[in-house]
Amino acid sequence: MSNVDDQQYKSKRNMFPPTYVEGFHDPEAVKAMEYKELGKTGMLVSKLSFGCGPLGCHYGTYNEVDAIEAIRQAIKQGVNYIDTAPWYGQGRSETIVGKALKGIPRQAYYIATKVGRYELDYDNMFDFTVEKTRKSFKKSLELLGLDYVDVIQVHDIEFAPSLDVIITQTLPELSRHVAEGKARHIGLTAYPVSVLKKCIERSNINVACVLSYTRLTLIDDTLLEYVPFFKEHKIGLINAAAPSMGLLTSNGPPSWHPASDETKEQCANAARYCKERDVELGKLAVWHSMRCADVDTNLVGIQSTKQLQMNLDVARNGITEKEKALLREIQEKFLSVVKNQHWEGEEVRTYREATKKKI
């Protein structure tokens, strides 16, 4: 793994990013945050970014008032990249983000949303057509209460009937929105990193960034194989879900998590081992992923002000020597057993089978 100490992270340290707003931000907190350009976008994004996936329906209940406060506090303390999507609670996440952003200067943050993935019902889960993309993006802007977003992403492109649909329909439609000023940049998301690479190679649309999730974690470092390609093409790299969608946390993953039983068992063992020593496994997982110098921002799902403060502490201060020793222990005792045992292809197979049965 291409690691660096926190102090050596390639960033714009002790500089105010373009998102800094005098009188709104906590200047000392912003100075303590690290920033890095997202590919060639010109956007200086914070080392820690705010993932709004947990503000939907997929990660259990949460306090909406506290979640809104977490977003507002995050921005004031220098977290300037926020990511949401219609898929997260069929618009609930975007609605909550919209509430949180009211009264906050638009200059103070970058925001990304998505098109392509929508409902829990398999029949209506994915739609990458021009018509649906246009309708969805319009709805997203309404829910967010914004005239434009900084990044509009195609969500989980591996589920499209073929990459041709993404290349000939979805991306050109998003390009039109960029031309109209409703979005500044276009991004892609997917679980198989190879699909992101293939789409960029085949498309003539300017893709500014990719979001890769759970592929640079304590149990899977697949993303590293593709870093040279993204760097060569100056594609911004967003590393999401360092806790592997709940696997690498004390609370454990949601029931729908696609990992194997063996992976879940070993991660649960690691979480229990950490909990017995009064350490949150998720904290170690985030720190581990944040050490990669080639990532532009680390997108972590956050539901509460408590979670926010833990992640801010990791971004600013790292972890203690005692915690580093504990991390080495759990890697050796538990996580090495399931290293790189991913679930690539499983969710797509389930989706294809479910939709085939209904035809």
Protein backbone atom coordinates (compact mmCIF):
# COMPACT_ATOMS: atom_id res chain seq x y z
CA MET A 1 0.00 0.00 0.00
CA SER A 2 1.26 3.46 -0.88
CA ASN A 3 1.21 4.93 2.62
CA VAL A 4 2.47 8.11 4.17
CA ASP A 5 2.41 9.51 7.64
CA ASP A 6 -0.33 12.05 8.28
CA GLN A 7 2.23 14.87 8.28
CA GLN A 8 3.43 13.91 4.80
CA TYR A 9 -0.01 13.70 3.18
CA LYS A 10 0.22 15.59 -0.13
CA SER A 11 -2.03 18.52 0.55
CA LYS A 12 -2.50 22.23 0.79
CA ARG A 13 -1.89 22.57 4.52
CA ASN A 14 -2.25 25.83 6.45
CA MET A 15 -3.91 27.42 3.46
CA PHE A 16 -7.51 28.50 3.23
CA PRO A 17 -9.25 26.70 0.35
CA PRO A 18 -11.52 28.58 -2.09
CA THR A 19 -14.48 27.38 -0.02
CA TYR A 20 -13.37 29.35 3.05
CA VAL A 21 -15.84 32.07 4.04
CA GLU A 22 -14.68 34.69 6.54
CA GLY A 23 -17.10 34.97 9.45
CA PHE A 24 -18.71 31.60 8.77
CA HIS A 25 -15.92 29.04 9.11
CA ASP A 26 -13.91 28.22 12.19
CA PRO A 27 -10.53 29.45 10.86
CA GLU A 28 -8.41 27.27 13.17
CA ALA A 29 -10.39 24.16 12.25
CA VAL A 30 -9.99 24.92 8.55
CA LYS A 31 -6.24 25.44 9.00
CA ALA A 32 -6.05 22.03 10.70
CA MET A 33 -7.76 20.31 7.78
CA GLU A 34 -5.78 19.08 4.78
CA TYR A 35 -6.91 19.83 1.23
CA LYS A 36 -6.03 18.37 -2.12
CA GLU A 37 -7.11 19.05 -5.69
CA LEU A 38 -9.73 16.62 -6.97
CA GLY A 39 -8.12 15.49 -10.19
CA LYS A 40 -7.99 18.43 -12.58
CA THR A 41 -11.23 20.04 -11.40
CA GLY A 42 -9.59 22.92 -9.53
CA MET A 43 -11.65 21.94 -6.47
CA LEU A 44 -9.53 21.76 -3.32
CA VAL A 45 -11.33 19.08 -1.32
CA SER A 46 -10.91 18.21 2.35
CA LYS A 47 -9.11 15.02 3.36
CA LEU A 48 -12.34 13.94 5.10
CA SER A 49 -15.57 14.35 3.17
CA PHE A 50 -19.14 13.84 4.35
CA GLY A 51 -20.99 10.78 3.03
CA CYS A 52 -24.77 11.04 3.26
CA GLY A 53 -25.57 7.40 2.45
CA PRO A 54 -26.45 6.72 6.12
CA LEU A 55 -29.06 9.50 5.95
CA GLY A 56 -31.29 7.30 3.82
CA CYS A 57 -32.94 4.02 4.81
CA HIS A 58 -30.08 1.56 4.49
CA TYR A 59 -28.25 2.01 7.80
CA GLY A 60 -31.00 2.08 10.41
CA THR A 61 -32.68 4.92 12.24
CA TYR A 62 -31.04 8.16 13.30
CA ASN A 63 -31.90 11.54 14.77
CA GLU A 64 -32.64 13.92 11.92
CA VAL A 65 -31.95 17.07 13.96
CA ASP A 66 -28.55 15.73 15.01
CA ALA A 67 -27.77 14.65 11.44
CA ILE A 68 -28.54 18.14 10.14
CA GLU A 69 -26.33 19.62 12.85
CA ALA A 70 -23.54 17.21 11.89
CA ILE A 71 -23.60 18.47 8.29
CA ARG A 72 -23.55 22.09 9.41
CA GLN A 73 -20.75 21.52 11.92
CA ALA A 74 -18.73 19.59 9.37
CA ILE A 75 -18.81 22.45 6.87
CA LYS A 76 -17.93 25.03 9.52
CA GLN A 77 -14.95 22.91 10.57
CA GLY A 78 -13.55 22.62 7.08
CA VAL A 79 -15.18 19.51 5.60
CA ASN A 80 -16.08 20.93 2.21
CA TYR A 81 -17.17 17.94 0.09
CA ILE A 82 -20.64 16.42 0.60
CA ASP A 83 -21.97 13.42 -1.30
CA THR A 84 -25.59 12.28 -1.55
CA ALA A 85 -27.92 10.48 -3.98
CA PRO A 86 -31.60 9.78 -4.71
CA TRP A 87 -30.95 6.10 -3.83
CA TYR A 88 -30.33 7.01 -0.20
CA GLY A 89 -33.87 6.73 1.11
CA GLN A 90 -35.54 7.64 -2.20
CA GLY A 91 -34.71 11.30 -1.73
CA ARG A 92 -34.64 11.41 2.08
CA SER A 93 -30.89 12.01 2.19
CA GLU A 94 -31.10 14.85 -0.35
CA THR A 95 -34.01 16.37 1.58
CA ILE A 96 -32.04 16.37 4.85
CA VAL A 97 -28.97 17.79 3.13
CA GLY A 98 -31.15 20.52 1.63
CA LYS A 99 -32.41 21.44 5.11
CA ALA A 100 -28.86 21.51 6.48
CA LEU A 101 -27.58 23.77 3.71
CA LYS A 102 -30.17 26.49 4.25
CA GLY A 103 -28.42 29.65 5.39
CA ILE A 104 -24.95 28.30 4.64
CA PRO A 105 -23.02 30.32 2.02
CA ARG A 106 -22.98 28.42 -1.28
CA GLN A 107 -19.27 29.13 -1.62
CA ALA A 108 -18.58 27.20 1.58
CA TYR A 109 -18.94 23.69 0.19
CA TYR A 110 -18.83 21.39 -2.82
CA ILE A 111 -21.72 19.00 -3.28
CA ALA A 112 -22.21 15.89 -5.36
CA THR A 113 -25.31 13.86 -6.12
CA LYS A 114 -26.09 11.02 -8.52
CA VAL A 115 -28.40 9.59 -11.16
CA GLY A 116 -29.14 6.02 -12.17
CA ARG A 117 -30.03 4.18 -8.94
CA TYR A 118 -33.34 4.89 -7.24
CA GLU A 119 -35.72 2.48 -5.47
CA LEU A 120 -35.51 -0.64 -3.31
CA ASP A 121 -37.87 -2.53 -5.62
CA TYR A 122 -35.75 -4.36 -8.21
CA ASP A 123 -38.06 -3.37 -11.07
CA ASN A 124 -37.49 0.32 -10.39
CA MET A 125 -34.03 0.22 -8.87
CA PHE A 126 -32.02 1.31 -11.92
CA ASP A 127 -32.76 3.55 -14.88
CA PHE A 128 -29.94 5.11 -16.90
CA THR A 129 -32.07 6.52 -19.72
CA VAL A 130 -31.95 10.15 -20.85
CA GLU A 131 -35.53 10.84 -19.76
CA LYS A 132 -35.12 9.44 -16.24
CA THR A 133 -31.71 11.08 -15.81
CA ARG A 134 -33.14 14.48 -16.73
CA LYS A 135 -36.16 14.07 -14.45
CA SER A 136 -34.12 12.77 -11.53
CA PHE A 137 -31.50 15.50 -11.67
CA LYS A 138 -34.18 18.18 -11.75
CA LYS A 139 -35.76 16.62 -8.63
CA SER A 140 -32.38 16.45 -6.88
CA LEU A 141 -31.77 20.17 -7.38
CA GLU A 142 -35.24 20.90 -5.97
CA LEU A 143 -34.68 18.74 -2.87
CA LEU A 144 -31.24 20.23 -2.27
CA GLY A 145 -32.56 23.75 -2.83
CA LEU A 146 -29.72 24.52 -5.24
CA ASP A 147 -29.27 25.93 -8.72
CA TYR A 148 -26.31 23.66 -9.44
CA VAL A 149 -24.14 20.90 -7.99
CA ASP A 150 -20.38 20.64 -8.25
CA VAL A 151 -20.37 17.00 -9.30
CA ILE A 152 -23.11 14.88 -10.88
CA GLN A 153 -22.30 11.17 -10.87
CA VAL A 154 -23.67 8.08 -12.60
CA HIS A 155 -24.47 5.71 -9.74
CA ASP A 156 -23.22 2.11 -9.84
CA ILE A 157 -22.67 1.82 -13.57
CA GLU A 158 -22.06 -1.95 -13.43
CA PHE A 159 -25.84 -2.47 -13.13
CA ALA A 160 -26.62 -0.85 -16.50
CA PRO A 161 -27.87 -3.23 -19.25
CA SER A 162 -24.51 -2.47 -20.89
CA LEU A 163 -21.82 0.19 -20.72
CA ASP A 164 -23.13 1.41 -24.07
CA VAL A 165 -26.20 2.80 -22.27
CA ILE A 166 -23.97 4.81 -19.93
CA ILE A 167 -21.74 6.00 -22.77
CA THR A 168 -24.44 6.86 -25.32
CA GLN A 169 -27.28 8.04 -23.08
CA THR A 170 -26.44 8.90 -19.46
CA LEU A 171 -23.09 10.64 -19.87
CA PRO A 172 -24.16 12.79 -22.85
CA GLU A 173 -27.24 13.89 -20.90
CA LEU A 174 -25.08 14.88 -17.92
CA SER A 175 -22.76 16.71 -20.29
CA ARG A 176 -25.74 18.81 -21.38
CA HIS A 177 -26.41 19.72 -17.75
CA VAL A 178 -22.79 20.81 -17.39
CA ALA A 179 -23.12 22.98 -20.50
CA GLU A 180 -26.25 24.54 -18.99
CA GLY A 181 -24.42 25.33 -15.73
CA LYS A 182 -26.50 22.99 -13.56
CA ALA A 183 -23.44 20.89 -12.76
CA ARG A 184 -19.73 21.66 -12.90
CA HIS A 185 -18.23 18.20 -13.31
CA ILE A 186 -19.19 14.61 -14.13
CA GLY A 187 -18.27 11.55 -12.09
CA LEU A 188 -18.76 7.77 -12.08
CA THR A 189 -19.33 5.33 -9.23
CA ALA A 190 -19.09 1.53 -9.18
CA TYR A 191 -18.02 -1.34 -6.96
CA PRO A 192 -15.84 -3.07 -9.62
CA VAL A 193 -12.99 -0.63 -10.20
CA SER A 194 -12.31 -2.29 -13.56
CA VAL A 195 -15.69 -1.06 -14.83
CA LEU A 196 -14.80 2.54 -13.95
CA LYS A 197 -11.58 2.20 -15.94
CA LYS A 198 -13.33 0.63 -18.91
CA CYS A 199 -16.01 3.35 -19.04
CA ILE A 200 -13.41 6.14 -19.01
CA GLU A 201 -11.44 4.41 -21.77
CA ARG A 202 -14.50 4.07 -23.99
CA SER A 203 -16.27 7.39 -23.43
CA ASN A 204 -15.44 10.70 -25.10
CA ILE A 205 -17.23 12.62 -22.33
CA ASN A 206 -14.98 14.42 -19.86
CA VAL A 207 -15.20 12.38 -16.66
CA ALA A 208 -13.62 14.41 -13.86
CA CYS A 209 -13.68 11.95 -10.97
CA VAL A 210 -14.54 8.44 -9.84
CA LEU A 211 -15.99 7.27 -6.55
CA SER A 212 -14.74 3.85 -5.49
CA TYR A 213 -16.25 2.36 -2.35
CA THR A 214 -14.99 -0.37 0.02
CA ARG A 215 -12.01 -1.09 -2.26
CA LEU A 216 -9.32 0.55 -0.11
CA THR A 217 -9.96 -0.84 3.36
CA LEU A 218 -8.42 -3.07 6.00
CA ILE A 219 -9.75 -6.10 4.09
CA ASP A 220 -9.56 -5.03 0.42
CA ASP A 221 -6.98 -2.86 -1.36
CA THR A 222 -8.11 -3.53 -4.96
CA LEU A 223 -8.25 0.21 -5.70
CA LEU A 224 -4.46 0.49 -5.55
CA GLU A 225 -4.09 -1.57 -8.74
CA TYR A 226 -5.93 1.16 -10.67
CA VAL A 227 -4.40 4.28 -9.13
CA PRO A 228 -1.75 4.67 -11.90
CA PHE A 229 -4.48 4.69 -14.57
CA PHE A 230 -6.55 7.35 -12.80
CA LYS A 231 -3.49 9.47 -12.10
CA GLU A 232 -2.32 9.24 -15.70
CA HIS A 233 -5.70 10.53 -16.88
CA LYS A 234 -5.89 13.15 -14.08
CA ILE A 235 -9.12 11.65 -12.79
CA GLY A 236 -10.06 12.73 -9.27
CA LEU A 237 -10.10 9.81 -6.84
CA ILE A 238 -12.77 9.63 -4.11
CA ASN A 239 -12.23 6.74 -1.72
CA ALA A 240 -15.53 5.93 -0.02
CA ALA A 241 -16.62 3.62 2.79
CA ALA A 242 -13.38 2.95 4.63
CA PRO A 243 -15.40 1.06 7.32
CA SER A 244 -16.64 -1.17 4.46
CA MET A 245 -20.33 -0.27 4.83
CA GLY A 246 -20.39 -1.09 8.52
CA LEU A 247 -18.33 -4.30 8.40
CA LEU A 248 -15.39 -2.63 10.12
CA THR A 249 -17.29 -0.99 12.99
CA SER A 250 -18.36 -1.96 16.49
CA ASN A 251 -22.02 -2.01 15.45
CA GLY A 252 -21.39 -4.33 12.54
CA PRO A 253 -22.93 -4.33 9.06
CA PRO A 254 -26.62 -4.05 8.14
CA SER A 255 -28.48 -7.29 7.35
CA TRP A 256 -28.32 -6.69 3.59
CA HIS A 257 -24.52 -6.50 3.48
CA PRO A 258 -23.22 -8.67 0.61
CA ALA A 259 -20.01 -9.90 2.26
CA SER A 260 -19.54 -13.62 2.89
CA ASP A 261 -20.34 -15.15 6.26
CA GLU A 262 -16.64 -15.78 6.85
CA THR A 263 -15.77 -12.12 6.20
CA LYS A 264 -18.55 -10.96 8.51
CA GLU A 265 -17.40 -13.35 11.22
CA GLN A 266 -13.75 -12.24 11.13
CA CYS A 267 -14.70 -8.56 11.08
CA ALA A 268 -17.04 -9.14 14.03
CA ASN A 269 -14.18 -10.85 15.89
CA ALA A 270 -11.95 -7.85 15.21
CA ALA A 271 -14.66 -5.44 16.36
CA ARG A 272 -15.19 -7.38 19.58
CA TYR A 273 -11.44 -7.50 20.23
CA CYS A 274 -11.26 -3.71 19.81
CA LYS A 275 -14.35 -3.07 21.93
CA GLU A 276 -12.87 -5.08 24.81
CA ARG A 277 -9.96 -2.64 24.70
CA ASP A 278 -12.25 0.41 24.48
CA VAL A 279 -11.39 1.23 20.88
CA GLU A 280 -13.80 1.75 17.99
CA LEU A 281 -12.80 -0.42 15.04
CA GLY A 282 -14.25 2.15 12.63
CA LYS A 283 -11.69 4.70 13.82
CA LEU A 284 -8.82 2.37 12.94
CA ALA A 285 -10.40 1.57 9.58
CA VAL A 286 -10.73 5.24 8.62
CA TRP A 287 -7.15 6.02 9.66
CA HIS A 288 -5.83 3.08 7.65
CA SER A 289 -7.52 4.29 4.45
CA MET A 290 -6.58 7.91 5.01
CA ARG A 291 -2.89 7.04 4.85
CA CYS A 292 -2.95 6.55 1.08
CA ALA A 293 -1.34 9.57 -0.56
CA ASP A 294 -2.94 8.93 -3.94
CA VAL A 295 -6.51 9.48 -2.77
CA ASP A 296 -7.91 13.00 -3.13
CA THR A 297 -10.60 12.71 -0.47
CA ASN A 298 -11.93 10.03 1.89
CA LEU A 299 -15.71 9.88 1.89
CA VAL A 300 -17.03 8.52 5.19
CA GLY A 301 -20.70 7.95 5.94
CA ILE A 302 -21.80 10.01 8.93
CA GLN A 303 -25.14 10.01 10.78
CA SER A 304 -24.43 12.04 13.91
CA THR A 305 -22.31 14.76 15.49
CA LYS A 306 -20.59 12.08 17.59
CA GLN A 307 -19.48 10.20 14.46
CA LEU A 308 -18.41 13.47 12.88
CA GLN A 309 -16.15 14.38 15.78
CA MET A 310 -14.51 10.94 15.80
CA ASN A 311 -13.72 11.19 12.09
CA LEU A 312 -12.51 14.78 12.36
CA ASP A 313 -10.17 13.69 15.16
CA VAL A 314 -8.72 10.93 12.96
CA ALA A 315 -8.28 13.33 10.03
CA ARG A 316 -6.49 15.91 12.18
CA ASN A 317 -4.61 13.83 14.73
CA GLY A 318 -4.40 10.27 13.46
CA ILE A 319 -4.39 7.50 16.08
CA THR A 320 -2.22 6.75 19.10
CA GLU A 321 0.71 4.35 19.18
CA LYS A 322 -1.40 2.04 21.36
CA GLU A 323 -4.14 2.06 18.72
CA LYS A 324 -1.61 1.37 15.97
CA ALA A 325 -0.39 -1.66 17.91
CA LEU A 326 -3.98 -2.84 18.33
CA LEU A 327 -4.55 -2.42 14.61
CA ARG A 328 -1.57 -4.62 13.83
CA GLU A 329 -2.94 -7.24 16.22
CA ILE A 330 -6.38 -7.45 14.64
CA GLN A 331 -4.89 -7.51 11.16
CA GLU A 332 -2.76 -10.49 12.10
CA LYS A 333 -5.34 -12.35 14.21
CA PHE A 334 -8.50 -11.81 12.19
CA LEU A 335 -8.44 -9.67 9.07
CA SER A 336 -5.55 -11.36 7.27
CA VAL A 337 -7.80 -14.42 6.99
CA VAL A 338 -10.26 -12.55 4.73
CA LYS A 339 -7.89 -10.17 2.94
CA ASN A 340 -9.26 -9.28 -0.52
CA GLN A 341 -12.24 -11.64 -0.22
CA HIS A 342 -14.57 -9.20 -1.97
CA TRP A 343 -18.15 -9.67 -3.21
CA GLU A 344 -17.68 -8.36 -6.75
CA GLY A 345 -20.42 -9.65 -9.06
CA GLU A 346 -22.68 -10.97 -6.31
CA GLU A 347 -25.04 -8.00 -6.20
CA VAL A 348 -25.26 -7.74 -9.98
CA ARG A 349 -26.09 -11.46 -10.20
CA THR A 350 -28.83 -11.09 -7.58
CA TYR A 351 -30.28 -8.11 -9.42
CA ARG A 352 -30.23 -9.83 -12.82
CA GLU A 353 -31.88 -12.97 -11.42
CA ALA A 354 -34.58 -10.99 -9.59
CA THR A 355 -35.52 -8.92 -12.64
CA LYS A 356 -35.42 -11.95 -14.94
CA LYS A 357 -37.97 -13.79 -12.78
CA LYS A 358 -40.43 -10.93 -13.16
CA ILE A 359 -40.29 -10.77 -16.94
